[in-house]
Amino acid sequence: MKGQCVANCGACCDPVLSNYGPYDIATAPAWQTELVWMRENTDPLPRGETLVRWRELVGAGDRNVVDRDGMIIQPHFYRCHHFDDETRSCTNYENRPPMCRDYPFYGGTHGDNEVALPKTCGYLVDVGRTPVPVEIGRKR
C-alpha cells in the first residue's frame, strides 16, 4: 500500500519544515537553489509558534527526536508565501520546487521512519503508521 493525499488538509505546508535554519538559508550560495528558493519564498515562524508546532508534531511529552545515529533532529518551521490559509492549498502548485514536489520523502525512501509527517498525513502508511482522520478545512 502506498500513501496518498486523502485529507487535503494542507498540514504538509502549514508550516514548511526544514533541517536548515534561517542563517543557513540567508547565507546560501546561488548553487543551493532550494535554499535560495526558501530565502525568497518563506519566512521563519516566530519562536513561540515554532515551539507550539514542534509539540504538535512530536507530542507534548517528547523534547527531542533523534535520527538512527543518535543525533538530535531540530527542524525549523517556515511560512510559505504561496500557501493560502483559506483554501489550505498552494497558489504556485505547478511551479513548486523539488522539496515540495517530492514531499514527503524528499531525500529519503518510502520506508524511512525518520520522515516527519503531520499526524493527519495519508503518507504515514508508508512509514508504518496510521493517519489520524481530520476534518477537511479545519483551522488551528
Protein backbone atom coordinates (compact mmCIF):
# COMPACT_ATOMS: atom_id res chain seq x y z
CA MET A 1 0.00 0.00 0.00
CA LYS A 2 1.31 3.45 -0.83
CA GLY A 3 0.28 6.65 0.92
CA GLN A 4 -1.61 9.35 -0.82
CA CYS A 5 -3.03 12.73 0.00
CA VAL A 6 -6.57 11.98 1.02
CA ALA A 7 -7.21 14.62 3.66
CA ASN A 8 -6.17 17.68 1.63
CA CYS A 9 -5.64 19.33 4.99
CA GLY A 10 -2.60 21.41 3.98
CA ALA A 11 -0.71 20.32 7.11
CA CYS A 12 2.32 19.49 4.94
CA CYS A 13 2.65 23.18 4.03
CA ASP A 14 1.46 24.78 7.25
CA PRO A 15 4.21 25.14 8.31
CA VAL A 16 7.03 24.06 6.00
CA LEU A 17 9.64 22.01 7.86
CA SER A 18 13.34 22.19 7.04
CA ASN A 19 16.57 20.96 8.56
CA TYR A 20 18.09 24.28 7.57
CA GLY A 21 17.97 27.23 9.92
CA PRO A 22 17.39 30.86 8.98
CA TYR A 23 21.15 31.57 8.92
CA ASP A 24 21.79 28.67 6.52
CA ILE A 25 19.05 29.92 4.23
CA ALA A 26 20.10 33.58 4.42
CA THR A 27 23.71 32.78 3.53
CA ALA A 28 23.16 30.01 0.96
CA PRO A 29 25.17 30.41 -2.25
CA ALA A 30 23.35 30.59 -5.59
CA TRP A 31 24.11 26.94 -6.45
CA GLN A 32 21.97 25.79 -3.47
CA THR A 33 18.82 26.54 -5.43
CA GLU A 34 16.33 25.16 -2.92
CA LEU A 35 17.77 27.23 -0.08
CA VAL A 36 17.70 30.27 -2.34
CA TRP A 37 14.05 29.43 -3.13
CA MET A 38 13.33 29.23 0.61
CA ARG A 39 15.05 32.58 1.17
CA GLU A 40 12.83 34.20 -1.46
CA ASN A 41 9.56 32.39 -0.67
CA THR A 42 9.38 31.63 3.05
CA ASP A 43 9.67 33.37 6.41
CA PRO A 44 10.74 31.66 9.64
CA LEU A 45 7.99 31.27 12.22
CA PRO A 46 8.40 33.16 15.49
CA ARG A 47 9.96 31.13 18.32
CA GLY A 48 6.70 30.78 20.26
CA GLU A 49 4.81 29.41 17.28
CA THR A 50 7.73 27.13 16.47
CA LEU A 51 7.50 25.59 19.95
CA VAL A 52 3.76 25.04 19.57
CA ARG A 53 4.21 23.40 16.16
CA TRP A 54 7.04 21.21 17.47
CA ARG A 55 4.80 19.93 20.27
CA GLU A 56 2.02 19.24 17.76
CA LEU A 57 4.44 17.24 15.62
CA VAL A 58 6.16 15.10 18.26
CA GLY A 59 3.78 15.22 21.22
CA ALA A 60 3.77 17.23 24.42
CA GLY A 61 5.99 14.82 26.37
CA ASP A 62 8.72 14.49 23.76
CA ARG A 63 11.51 17.03 23.78
CA ASN A 64 13.94 15.57 21.26
CA VAL A 65 13.66 13.43 18.17
CA VAL A 66 16.80 11.55 17.22
CA ASP A 67 17.87 10.00 13.94
CA ARG A 68 19.24 6.45 13.59
CA ASP A 69 22.74 7.67 14.52
CA GLY A 70 21.51 9.22 17.76
CA MET A 71 21.81 12.79 16.50
CA ILE A 72 19.09 15.19 17.65
CA ILE A 73 16.89 16.39 14.80
CA GLN A 74 15.91 20.03 15.18
CA PRO A 75 13.64 21.06 12.33
CA HIS A 76 12.95 24.68 11.58
CA PHE A 77 9.47 25.91 10.68
CA TYR A 78 8.67 28.38 7.92
CA ARG A 79 5.61 30.09 6.49
CA CYS A 80 5.46 29.74 2.70
CA HIS A 81 4.37 32.81 0.74
CA HIS A 82 2.45 30.51 -1.65
CA PHE A 83 0.28 28.82 0.98
CA ASP A 84 -3.32 30.06 1.00
CA ASP A 85 -4.77 29.87 4.53
CA GLU A 86 -8.36 29.94 3.27
CA THR A 87 -8.15 27.11 0.74
CA ARG A 88 -5.27 25.36 2.59
CA SER A 89 -3.56 24.82 -0.74
CA CYS A 90 -0.59 26.04 -2.78
CA THR A 91 -1.06 29.03 -5.07
CA ASN A 92 2.09 28.04 -7.00
CA TYR A 93 1.46 24.29 -7.24
CA GLU A 94 2.58 23.85 -10.86
CA ASN A 95 5.89 25.63 -10.19
CA ARG A 96 6.71 24.24 -6.75
CA PRO A 97 10.35 23.28 -6.07
CA PRO A 98 11.59 19.68 -5.71
CA MET A 99 11.38 19.85 -1.91
CA CYS A 100 7.62 20.31 -2.25
CA ARG A 101 7.16 18.16 -5.34
CA ASP A 102 8.87 15.18 -3.68
CA TYR A 103 7.06 15.52 -0.35
CA PRO A 104 7.04 13.62 1.97
CA PHE A 105 10.06 11.54 1.04
CA TYR A 106 12.45 14.24 -0.04
CA GLY A 107 15.94 12.83 0.04
CA GLY A 108 14.79 9.53 1.53
CA THR A 109 12.92 6.37 0.74
CA HIS A 110 9.33 5.32 1.17
CA GLY A 111 10.29 3.21 4.19
CA ASP A 112 12.15 5.93 6.04
CA ASN A 113 10.88 6.12 9.63
CA GLU A 114 12.71 9.41 10.14
CA VAL A 115 10.33 11.32 7.88
CA ALA A 116 8.48 13.95 9.92
CA LEU A 117 4.86 13.86 8.79
CA PRO A 118 1.80 15.55 10.22
CA LYS A 119 -0.41 13.12 12.15
CA THR A 120 -3.13 13.56 9.52
CA CYS A 121 -0.93 12.72 6.54
CA GLY A 122 -2.05 9.80 4.38
CA TYR A 123 1.59 9.04 3.60
CA LEU A 124 2.03 7.70 7.12
CA VAL A 125 1.08 4.24 5.84
CA ASP A 126 4.40 4.17 4.01
CA VAL A 127 6.31 4.50 7.27
CA GLY A 128 4.13 2.03 9.14
CA ARG A 129 1.84 4.42 10.99
CA THR A 130 -1.87 5.05 10.80
CA PRO A 131 -3.03 8.55 9.87
CA VAL A 132 -5.41 10.33 12.22
CA PRO A 133 -8.62 11.47 10.46
CA VAL A 134 -9.02 15.21 10.17
CA GLU A 135 -11.94 17.43 9.35
CA ILE A 136 -11.26 18.99 5.95
CA GLY A 137 -10.65 22.72 6.09
CA ARG A 138 -10.12 22.80 9.85
CA LYS A 139 -8.35 25.76 11.37
CA ARG A 140 -5.73 25.60 14.10
